Each structure stands twice: as C-alpha cells, then as structure tokens.
N, C-alpha and C. Protein backbone atom coordinates (compact mmCIF):
# COMPACT_ATOMS: atom_id res chain seq x y z
N MET A 1 0.22 -37.71 10.31
CA MET A 1 0.39 -36.53 9.52
C MET A 1 0.74 -35.37 10.45
N ALA A 2 1.71 -34.53 10.07
CA ALA A 2 2.16 -33.41 10.89
C ALA A 2 1.20 -32.24 10.76
N LEU A 3 1.01 -31.54 11.86
CA LEU A 3 0.18 -30.35 11.87
C LEU A 3 1.04 -29.18 11.40
N VAL A 4 0.58 -28.50 10.36
CA VAL A 4 1.30 -27.35 9.82
C VAL A 4 0.51 -26.10 10.16
N ARG A 5 1.18 -25.11 10.72
CA ARG A 5 0.54 -23.83 11.02
C ARG A 5 1.26 -22.74 10.26
N TYR A 6 0.48 -21.83 9.76
CA TYR A 6 1.02 -20.70 9.04
C TYR A 6 0.74 -19.43 9.82
N HIS A 7 1.72 -18.53 9.86
CA HIS A 7 1.56 -17.23 10.51
C HIS A 7 1.84 -16.15 9.49
N CYS A 8 1.00 -15.13 9.50
CA CYS A 8 1.09 -14.04 8.53
C CYS A 8 2.30 -13.16 8.84
N ALA A 9 3.14 -12.94 7.84
CA ALA A 9 4.32 -12.10 8.01
C ALA A 9 3.95 -10.62 8.11
N ILE A 10 2.71 -10.26 7.79
CA ILE A 10 2.30 -8.86 7.83
C ILE A 10 1.60 -8.54 9.15
N CYS A 11 0.58 -9.30 9.51
CA CYS A 11 -0.17 -8.99 10.74
C CYS A 11 0.27 -9.85 11.93
N GLY A 12 0.97 -10.94 11.68
CA GLY A 12 1.44 -11.81 12.75
C GLY A 12 0.41 -12.83 13.21
N GLY A 13 -0.80 -12.75 12.67
CA GLY A 13 -1.86 -13.66 13.07
C GLY A 13 -1.74 -15.03 12.42
N SER A 14 -2.46 -15.97 12.98
CA SER A 14 -2.51 -17.32 12.45
C SER A 14 -3.34 -17.31 11.16
N ILE A 15 -2.91 -18.09 10.19
CA ILE A 15 -3.63 -18.19 8.93
C ILE A 15 -4.42 -19.49 8.94
N GLU A 16 -5.71 -19.36 8.99
CA GLU A 16 -6.59 -20.52 9.01
C GLU A 16 -6.85 -21.01 7.60
N GLU A 17 -6.84 -22.31 7.42
CA GLU A 17 -7.23 -22.86 6.14
C GLU A 17 -8.75 -22.77 6.03
N GLY A 18 -9.24 -22.63 4.85
CA GLY A 18 -10.68 -22.51 4.68
C GLY A 18 -11.05 -21.21 4.02
N SER A 19 -10.15 -20.26 4.02
CA SER A 19 -10.38 -19.03 3.27
C SER A 19 -10.24 -19.35 1.79
N GLN A 20 -10.83 -18.56 0.97
CA GLN A 20 -10.80 -18.82 -0.47
C GLN A 20 -9.37 -18.83 -1.03
N PHE A 21 -8.48 -17.96 -0.53
CA PHE A 21 -7.13 -17.83 -1.09
C PHE A 21 -6.01 -18.11 -0.10
N ASP A 22 -6.31 -18.29 1.17
CA ASP A 22 -5.26 -18.48 2.18
C ASP A 22 -4.88 -19.94 2.33
N PRO A 23 -3.67 -20.26 2.72
CA PRO A 23 -2.57 -19.33 2.94
C PRO A 23 -1.91 -18.94 1.62
N CYS A 24 -1.31 -17.76 1.60
CA CYS A 24 -0.56 -17.28 0.45
C CYS A 24 0.92 -17.34 0.78
N GLY A 25 1.72 -17.56 -0.24
CA GLY A 25 3.17 -17.50 -0.10
C GLY A 25 3.70 -16.38 -0.96
N VAL A 26 4.53 -15.53 -0.36
CA VAL A 26 5.14 -14.43 -1.09
C VAL A 26 6.64 -14.68 -1.11
N SER A 27 7.20 -14.79 -2.31
CA SER A 27 8.64 -15.03 -2.44
C SER A 27 9.37 -13.72 -2.70
N ILE A 28 10.49 -13.55 -2.01
CA ILE A 28 11.36 -12.40 -2.18
C ILE A 28 12.66 -12.90 -2.80
N PHE A 29 13.07 -12.25 -3.85
CA PHE A 29 14.34 -12.58 -4.51
C PHE A 29 15.28 -11.41 -4.32
N SER A 30 16.44 -11.66 -3.77
CA SER A 30 17.42 -10.59 -3.58
C SER A 30 18.50 -10.65 -4.65
N ASN A 31 19.19 -9.56 -4.80
CA ASN A 31 20.33 -9.48 -5.73
C ASN A 31 19.94 -9.78 -7.17
N LEU A 32 18.78 -9.33 -7.60
CA LEU A 32 18.31 -9.63 -8.96
C LEU A 32 19.22 -9.07 -10.04
N ASN A 33 20.02 -8.07 -9.71
CA ASN A 33 20.92 -7.47 -10.69
C ASN A 33 22.28 -8.16 -10.72
N LYS A 34 22.40 -9.26 -9.98
CA LYS A 34 23.67 -9.99 -9.93
C LYS A 34 23.50 -11.36 -10.59
N PRO A 35 24.60 -12.06 -10.81
CA PRO A 35 24.50 -13.40 -11.39
C PRO A 35 23.59 -14.31 -10.55
N GLU A 36 22.95 -15.25 -11.21
CA GLU A 36 22.00 -16.14 -10.54
C GLU A 36 22.62 -16.85 -9.34
N SER A 37 23.90 -17.15 -9.40
CA SER A 37 24.56 -17.83 -8.28
C SER A 37 24.62 -16.96 -7.02
N GLN A 38 24.44 -15.65 -7.16
CA GLN A 38 24.47 -14.75 -6.01
C GLN A 38 23.07 -14.33 -5.56
N GLN A 39 22.06 -14.79 -6.25
CA GLN A 39 20.69 -14.44 -5.89
C GLN A 39 20.20 -15.36 -4.78
N LEU A 40 19.35 -14.82 -3.94
CA LEU A 40 18.79 -15.58 -2.82
C LEU A 40 17.27 -15.48 -2.88
N GLU A 41 16.59 -16.50 -2.34
CA GLU A 41 15.12 -16.51 -2.32
C GLU A 41 14.64 -16.86 -0.92
N GLN A 42 13.59 -16.19 -0.50
CA GLN A 42 12.95 -16.47 0.79
C GLN A 42 11.44 -16.39 0.59
N MET A 43 10.69 -17.32 1.16
CA MET A 43 9.24 -17.28 1.06
C MET A 43 8.65 -16.93 2.42
N PHE A 44 7.65 -16.05 2.39
CA PHE A 44 6.89 -15.67 3.57
C PHE A 44 5.43 -16.02 3.34
N PHE A 45 4.73 -16.33 4.42
CA PHE A 45 3.31 -16.64 4.33
C PHE A 45 2.51 -15.43 4.78
N THR A 46 1.39 -15.18 4.12
CA THR A 46 0.53 -14.07 4.48
C THR A 46 -0.93 -14.42 4.25
N HIS A 47 -1.80 -13.65 4.90
CA HIS A 47 -3.20 -13.67 4.50
C HIS A 47 -3.28 -12.95 3.15
N TYR A 48 -4.15 -13.38 2.30
CA TYR A 48 -4.35 -12.71 1.02
C TYR A 48 -4.71 -11.25 1.23
N GLU A 49 -5.66 -10.98 2.13
CA GLU A 49 -6.11 -9.60 2.34
C GLU A 49 -5.02 -8.73 2.96
N CYS A 50 -4.17 -9.30 3.82
CA CYS A 50 -3.07 -8.52 4.38
C CYS A 50 -2.09 -8.12 3.29
N PHE A 51 -1.73 -9.07 2.44
CA PHE A 51 -0.80 -8.76 1.36
C PHE A 51 -1.41 -7.74 0.41
N ARG A 52 -2.64 -7.97 0.03
CA ARG A 52 -3.32 -7.05 -0.89
C ARG A 52 -3.39 -5.65 -0.29
N GLY A 53 -3.69 -5.55 1.01
CA GLY A 53 -3.77 -4.27 1.68
C GLY A 53 -2.44 -3.56 1.83
N ALA A 54 -1.34 -4.32 1.79
CA ALA A 54 -0.01 -3.73 1.95
C ALA A 54 0.51 -3.13 0.64
N LEU A 55 -0.14 -3.46 -0.46
CA LEU A 55 0.31 -2.96 -1.75
C LEU A 55 -0.18 -1.54 -2.00
N GLU A 56 0.56 -0.81 -2.78
CA GLU A 56 0.16 0.51 -3.23
C GLU A 56 -1.12 0.34 -4.05
N PRO A 57 -2.10 1.24 -3.90
CA PRO A 57 -3.40 1.04 -4.56
C PRO A 57 -3.32 0.75 -6.06
N GLY A 58 -2.45 1.40 -6.79
CA GLY A 58 -2.34 1.13 -8.23
C GLY A 58 -1.82 -0.27 -8.53
N THR A 59 -1.01 -0.80 -7.64
CA THR A 59 -0.45 -2.14 -7.83
C THR A 59 -1.49 -3.22 -7.53
N ARG A 60 -2.43 -2.92 -6.65
CA ARG A 60 -3.47 -3.89 -6.29
C ARG A 60 -4.25 -4.36 -7.51
N ASP A 61 -4.34 -3.51 -8.53
CA ASP A 61 -5.07 -3.89 -9.74
C ASP A 61 -4.47 -5.11 -10.42
N TYR A 62 -3.17 -5.33 -10.22
CA TYR A 62 -2.51 -6.49 -10.83
C TYR A 62 -2.75 -7.78 -10.05
N LEU A 63 -3.17 -7.67 -8.81
CA LEU A 63 -3.45 -8.82 -7.96
C LEU A 63 -4.94 -9.12 -8.08
N ASN A 64 -5.29 -9.97 -9.01
CA ASN A 64 -6.71 -10.14 -9.37
C ASN A 64 -7.13 -11.59 -9.33
N PHE A 65 -6.83 -12.29 -8.27
CA PHE A 65 -7.27 -13.68 -8.17
C PHE A 65 -8.78 -13.81 -8.32
N GLU A 66 -9.51 -12.83 -7.79
CA GLU A 66 -10.97 -12.89 -7.86
C GLU A 66 -11.47 -12.92 -9.29
N ASP A 67 -10.76 -12.25 -10.20
CA ASP A 67 -11.18 -12.17 -11.60
C ASP A 67 -10.77 -13.38 -12.42
N GLN A 68 -9.97 -14.27 -11.86
CA GLN A 68 -9.45 -15.40 -12.61
C GLN A 68 -10.29 -16.65 -12.45
N ARG A 69 -11.44 -16.56 -11.88
CA ARG A 69 -12.29 -17.72 -11.64
C ARG A 69 -13.15 -17.99 -12.84
C-alpha cells in the first residue's frame, strides 16, 4: 500500500490523519460563467481549522460540520 501524505494549502503543514475532520479537500472551479467545456477544477487539501479560519466570519456560519453529527 502506498503512503499518502497531505499538505495544507493554507499553512503548508503536514495534515495528520486522526483529526475529526482532516484531511479536507477544497475544490476550486474556474470560469463558472462560461460553458462547462471551458470550466476547470482543481482540488487543494487543507486542515479543517485552517480553512475555517481563512473564511470571512459571517461565512464560517455555513461551515458547520460540528452541527451535523
């Protein structure tokens, strides 16, 4: 079995498995206003807390994994 390592796109640190929500994947879609054939997607890995901390405080309310248990 291959060893997979994840690095956080926000802090640059290693993402250890064992956290309640890590690793997280954040997908970016470009060209959303163009035809689907011109849209591109890229996924980045982050710590949950790094991603949550990078959001504007009002937007953090929509990121509620803790409340979905």
